[in-house]
Amino acid sequence: MKNNPLIEGVSDAVGFVGGALLGFWIGRLIGWDIFAPGYGNASIGGIVLVGFGGGLGLQLARRWRSRQNSNKE
């Protein structure tokens, strides 16, 4: 079955943004602020968490979509 591009785009966006926000808030909880002035260790750690969270959220969205497609077949 052919994938719907709208569903792919929306699910990827939701997964990425949701994961990035989760990474951002985890970073804030442990004291890593991505918006801190300069590029200190806490700022870099926060940036890494946001990137990691976004990538993880995107992968989870794609696995969810893949599981949904396999259930249809």
Foldseek 3Di string as FASTA:
>chain_A
DDDDVVLLVVLLVCLLVVQLVVLQVVLVVVPQHCPDPDDDPSNVSSVVSSNVRNVVSNVVSVVVVVVVVVVVD
